[in-house]
Amino acid sequence: MILVPSYEQVIETYAITLLKTPGDLQLTANGDIAVHDGDLKLGNDQYNAMFRLVQAWRFNSPTLEGLFNLAIDSGTTRDRLTKEQDELMSLLVATNWSRDSIKEYHSKNDEIGANEIGEGACAGALFVILSNLLLRLKNDLQVFQDRWVKCGPLINGISVGSLVSAAANNFRHYDEWRRTSPPTQQQLSSMNVISQVIGSLPLPIRENICPKLLEVISGGSYEKLNQALFAFAKSVSA
């Protein structure tokens, strides 16, 4: 059973004061009921943008939480298997590299690779969804880039909006980044954001760095991730 957070629950949990009062339908200059991207427009631009974000996030939340948990679980499993593999190496030497020990070593190596790929895929897909949600908010509010990159909360000097966008770009294009030398200015824009968030990560970036970015923004907590998302949304729409 998929549990979707209620509209009231989201407003209360993330203290979205703007939406605590119901929004009224709006009229166009011709007296028609105002519509925004096929949806009825409620309240002013700020109210309508935040309302649309909350509604979109609610319906995406089960998927986001599932991806988050899969990413965390895969990372934990990978770390455990890596430790076991290190211990197995000692056994390989002690048993003079027996066939069974070598087979077990390669099996664990395969599992490590699968969990590493899974962690990156789930973290990356999560950031793509969040990026789409925030990009629509940005367009709804018609926010200039200068404000978008400065609104708090800041993570190592980087806004949540900028972090999420750079992470999504990394997931979509890291194979392309690997093949492009030197990096283009567009690629470097995202790479520089990622490097600052992680803490002086060497450039150019050639791999899927989304799991590390997810750890930085969430600290391993789905709720902390959501708090950061809505804190940024409230800040940019104020």
Protein backbone atom coordinates (compact mmCIF):
# COMPACT_ATOMS: atom_id res chain seq x y z
CA MET A 1 0.00 0.00 0.00
CA ILE A 2 1.40 3.38 -1.05
CA LEU A 3 1.07 6.01 1.65
CA VAL A 4 0.92 9.56 0.32
CA PRO A 5 1.44 12.33 2.92
CA SER A 6 -1.67 14.46 3.25
CA TYR A 7 -1.61 18.09 2.15
CA GLU A 8 -2.28 19.22 5.72
CA GLN A 9 0.48 16.98 7.04
CA VAL A 10 3.06 18.47 4.69
CA ILE A 11 2.09 22.03 5.60
CA GLU A 12 2.30 21.26 9.32
CA THR A 13 5.49 19.18 9.20
CA TYR A 14 7.47 21.70 7.17
CA ALA A 15 5.86 24.84 8.64
CA ILE A 16 4.67 26.20 5.30
CA THR A 17 2.88 29.22 6.75
CA LEU A 18 2.00 30.61 3.34
CA LEU A 19 -0.36 27.70 2.66
CA LYS A 20 -2.10 27.55 6.05
CA THR A 21 -4.85 29.84 4.69
CA PRO A 22 -6.76 28.36 1.71
CA GLY A 23 -6.01 30.09 -1.59
CA ASP A 24 -8.73 31.65 -3.72
CA LEU A 25 -9.27 31.04 -7.41
CA GLN A 26 -7.89 33.85 -9.57
CA LEU A 27 -9.43 35.66 -12.53
CA THR A 28 -7.78 36.75 -15.75
CA ALA A 29 -8.07 40.29 -17.13
CA ASN A 30 -11.02 39.02 -19.20
CA GLY A 31 -12.80 37.70 -16.14
CA ASP A 32 -12.10 34.03 -16.86
CA ILE A 33 -10.85 31.65 -14.19
CA ALA A 34 -7.04 31.73 -14.27
CA VAL A 35 -5.25 28.52 -15.23
CA HIS A 36 -1.54 27.73 -14.79
CA ASP A 37 -0.10 24.88 -16.87
CA GLY A 38 -3.52 23.28 -17.03
CA ASP A 39 -4.15 23.66 -13.27
CA LEU A 40 -6.43 26.16 -11.62
CA LYS A 41 -4.37 29.01 -10.22
CA LEU A 42 -4.77 29.50 -6.49
CA GLY A 43 -3.72 32.71 -4.76
CA ASN A 44 -0.88 34.94 -5.94
CA ASP A 45 2.22 33.70 -7.77
CA GLN A 46 4.06 32.77 -4.55
CA TYR A 47 1.09 30.89 -3.13
CA ASN A 48 0.38 29.09 -6.38
CA ALA A 49 4.03 28.06 -6.85
CA MET A 50 4.31 26.64 -3.34
CA PHE A 51 0.96 24.89 -3.63
CA ARG A 52 2.05 23.21 -6.86
CA LEU A 53 5.36 22.16 -5.27
CA VAL A 54 3.64 20.60 -2.25
CA GLN A 55 1.15 18.73 -4.41
CA ALA A 56 3.85 17.43 -6.76
CA TRP A 57 6.13 16.46 -3.87
CA ARG A 58 3.34 14.60 -2.07
CA PHE A 59 2.68 12.32 -5.03
CA ASN A 60 6.40 11.78 -5.61
CA SER A 61 7.17 11.17 -1.94
CA PRO A 62 6.65 7.37 -1.90
CA THR A 63 9.00 7.02 -4.87
CA LEU A 64 11.52 9.46 -3.38
CA GLU A 65 11.54 7.65 -0.05
CA GLY A 66 11.88 4.28 -1.78
CA LEU A 67 14.84 5.50 -3.84
CA PHE A 68 16.41 7.07 -0.76
CA ASN A 69 16.15 3.86 1.27
CA LEU A 70 17.48 1.75 -1.60
CA ALA A 71 20.46 4.09 -2.00
CA ILE A 72 21.27 3.99 1.71
CA ASP A 73 20.81 0.21 1.95
CA SER A 74 22.99 -0.40 -1.11
CA GLY A 75 25.73 1.79 0.31
CA THR A 76 25.61 0.02 3.66
CA THR A 77 25.69 -3.40 1.99
CA ARG A 78 28.60 -2.36 -0.22
CA ASP A 79 30.61 -1.22 2.81
CA ARG A 80 29.89 -4.49 4.65
CA LEU A 81 30.87 -6.60 1.66
CA THR A 82 34.06 -4.59 1.14
CA LYS A 83 35.07 -5.28 4.74
CA GLU A 84 34.28 -8.97 4.32
CA GLN A 85 36.29 -9.06 1.11
CA ASP A 86 39.29 -7.54 2.88
CA GLU A 87 39.03 -10.25 5.53
CA LEU A 88 38.69 -12.89 2.82
CA MET A 89 41.95 -11.77 1.26
CA SER A 90 43.78 -12.93 4.39
CA LEU A 91 41.99 -16.28 4.10
CA LEU A 92 43.04 -16.60 0.47
CA VAL A 93 46.67 -16.26 1.43
CA ALA A 94 46.27 -18.70 4.34
CA THR A 95 44.61 -21.35 2.14
CA ASN A 96 47.11 -20.85 -0.66
CA TRP A 97 44.43 -19.39 -2.93
CA SER A 98 42.07 -22.37 -2.88
CA ARG A 99 39.47 -22.63 -5.65
CA ASP A 100 36.53 -22.19 -3.25
CA SER A 101 38.07 -19.11 -1.62
CA ILE A 102 38.79 -17.53 -5.00
CA LYS A 103 35.22 -18.22 -6.09
CA GLU A 104 33.87 -16.58 -2.93
CA TYR A 105 36.16 -13.59 -3.47
CA HIS A 106 34.88 -13.01 -7.00
CA SER A 107 31.28 -13.48 -5.85
CA LYS A 108 31.67 -10.76 -3.24
CA ASN A 109 33.38 -8.55 -5.78
CA ASP A 110 30.36 -8.89 -8.06
CA GLU A 111 28.01 -8.02 -5.20
CA ILE A 112 30.08 -4.97 -4.32
CA GLY A 113 29.88 -3.78 -7.93
CA ALA A 114 26.13 -4.34 -8.12
CA ASN A 115 25.50 -2.46 -4.88
CA GLU A 116 27.76 0.38 -5.95
CA ILE A 117 25.87 0.75 -9.22
CA GLY A 118 22.53 0.45 -7.42
CA GLU A 119 23.44 3.11 -4.87
CA GLY A 120 24.46 5.55 -7.59
CA ALA A 121 21.41 4.85 -9.74
CA CYS A 122 18.93 5.33 -6.89
CA ALA A 123 20.64 8.46 -5.58
CA GLY A 124 20.86 9.89 -9.08
CA ALA A 125 17.22 9.15 -9.92
CA LEU A 126 16.16 10.80 -6.67
CA PHE A 127 18.09 13.97 -7.54
CA VAL A 128 16.56 14.06 -11.03
CA ILE A 129 13.05 14.02 -9.52
CA LEU A 130 13.94 16.71 -6.99
CA SER A 131 15.56 18.80 -9.72
CA ASN A 132 12.40 18.64 -11.83
CA LEU A 133 10.28 19.72 -8.84
CA LEU A 134 12.54 22.65 -8.00
CA LEU A 135 12.93 23.72 -11.63
CA ARG A 136 9.15 24.03 -11.91
CA LEU A 137 9.12 26.09 -8.72
CA LYS A 138 11.82 28.32 -10.18
CA ASN A 139 9.86 28.80 -13.39
CA ASP A 140 6.58 29.39 -11.54
CA LEU A 141 8.22 32.11 -9.43
CA GLN A 142 10.31 33.45 -12.34
CA VAL A 143 13.29 33.55 -9.99
CA PHE A 144 16.52 35.01 -11.33
CA GLN A 145 19.59 32.77 -11.13
CA ASP A 146 21.38 35.22 -8.83
CA ARG A 147 18.69 34.77 -6.17
CA TRP A 148 18.43 31.02 -6.77
CA VAL A 149 22.09 30.43 -5.89
CA LYS A 150 22.06 32.66 -2.80
CA CYS A 151 18.88 31.58 -0.96
CA GLY A 152 19.45 29.51 2.16
CA PRO A 153 19.93 27.12 3.66
CA LEU A 154 23.44 26.97 2.22
CA ILE A 155 25.50 23.78 2.31
CA ASN A 156 29.19 24.66 2.22
CA GLY A 157 28.14 27.92 0.59
CA ILE A 158 25.91 26.23 -2.01
CA SER A 159 22.11 26.57 -2.16
CA VAL A 160 19.94 23.46 -2.11
CA GLY A 161 18.61 24.39 -5.54
CA SER A 162 22.11 24.57 -7.00
CA LEU A 163 23.19 21.34 -5.29
CA VAL A 164 20.19 19.39 -6.55
CA SER A 165 20.60 20.72 -10.09
CA ALA A 166 24.33 19.89 -10.20
CA ALA A 167 23.66 16.40 -8.81
CA ALA A 168 21.00 15.74 -11.45
CA ASN A 169 23.36 16.95 -14.18
CA ASN A 170 26.08 14.67 -12.84
CA PHE A 171 23.79 11.63 -12.97
CA ARG A 172 22.52 12.41 -16.45
CA HIS A 173 25.91 13.19 -17.96
CA TYR A 174 28.77 11.66 -15.95
CA ASP A 175 29.57 9.26 -18.82
CA GLU A 176 29.73 12.26 -21.12
CA TRP A 177 31.90 14.09 -18.57
CA ARG A 178 34.26 11.10 -18.59
CA ARG A 179 34.69 11.33 -22.36
CA THR A 180 35.08 15.11 -22.60
CA SER A 181 38.56 16.52 -22.11
CA PRO A 182 38.93 19.26 -21.23
CA PRO A 183 35.47 19.78 -19.67
CA THR A 184 33.13 22.30 -21.26
CA GLN A 185 32.15 25.44 -19.36
CA GLN A 186 28.67 24.01 -18.85
CA GLN A 187 30.12 20.83 -17.34
CA LEU A 188 32.53 22.81 -15.17
CA SER A 189 29.63 24.84 -13.79
CA SER A 190 28.12 21.72 -12.23
CA MET A 191 31.52 20.25 -11.33
CA ASN A 192 32.49 23.37 -9.39
CA VAL A 193 29.26 23.24 -7.38
CA ILE A 194 29.81 19.56 -6.58
CA SER A 195 33.43 20.14 -5.61
CA GLN A 196 32.47 22.91 -3.19
CA VAL A 197 29.69 20.85 -1.62
CA ILE A 198 31.92 17.81 -1.12
CA GLY A 199 34.88 19.91 -0.04
CA SER A 200 37.57 20.58 -2.64
CA LEU A 201 36.85 17.51 -4.75
CA PRO A 202 39.51 17.38 -7.51
CA LEU A 203 38.35 18.36 -10.98
CA PRO A 204 37.39 17.17 -13.47
CA ILE A 205 34.73 14.84 -12.05
CA ARG A 206 34.43 11.62 -14.06
CA GLU A 207 32.08 9.50 -11.94
CA ASN A 208 28.58 9.38 -10.46
CA ILE A 209 29.03 11.41 -7.30
CA CYS A 210 25.34 11.45 -6.31
CA PRO A 211 25.66 9.08 -3.31
CA LYS A 212 28.20 11.42 -1.70
CA LEU A 213 26.00 14.44 -2.39
CA LEU A 214 23.00 12.63 -0.91
CA GLU A 215 24.99 11.93 2.26
CA VAL A 216 26.01 15.59 2.55
CA ILE A 217 22.50 17.00 2.14
CA SER A 218 20.70 14.33 4.18
CA GLY A 219 23.18 12.91 6.66
CA GLY A 220 21.49 9.56 5.99
CA SER A 221 18.04 10.86 6.98
CA TYR A 222 15.16 11.14 4.52
CA GLU A 223 13.45 13.63 6.83
CA LYS A 224 16.54 15.86 6.92
CA LEU A 225 16.56 15.84 3.12
CA ASN A 226 12.92 16.98 3.05
CA GLN A 227 13.56 19.67 5.64
CA ALA A 228 16.35 21.09 3.47
CA LEU A 229 14.16 20.97 0.36
CA PHE A 230 11.24 22.86 1.88
CA ALA A 231 13.44 25.30 3.78
CA PHE A 232 14.97 26.30 0.45
CA ALA A 233 11.57 26.46 -1.27
CA LYS A 234 10.20 28.74 1.47
CA SER A 235 13.28 30.94 1.30
CA VAL A 236 13.22 31.38 -2.46
CA SER A 237 9.47 32.07 -2.53
CA ALA A 238 9.51 34.63 0.31
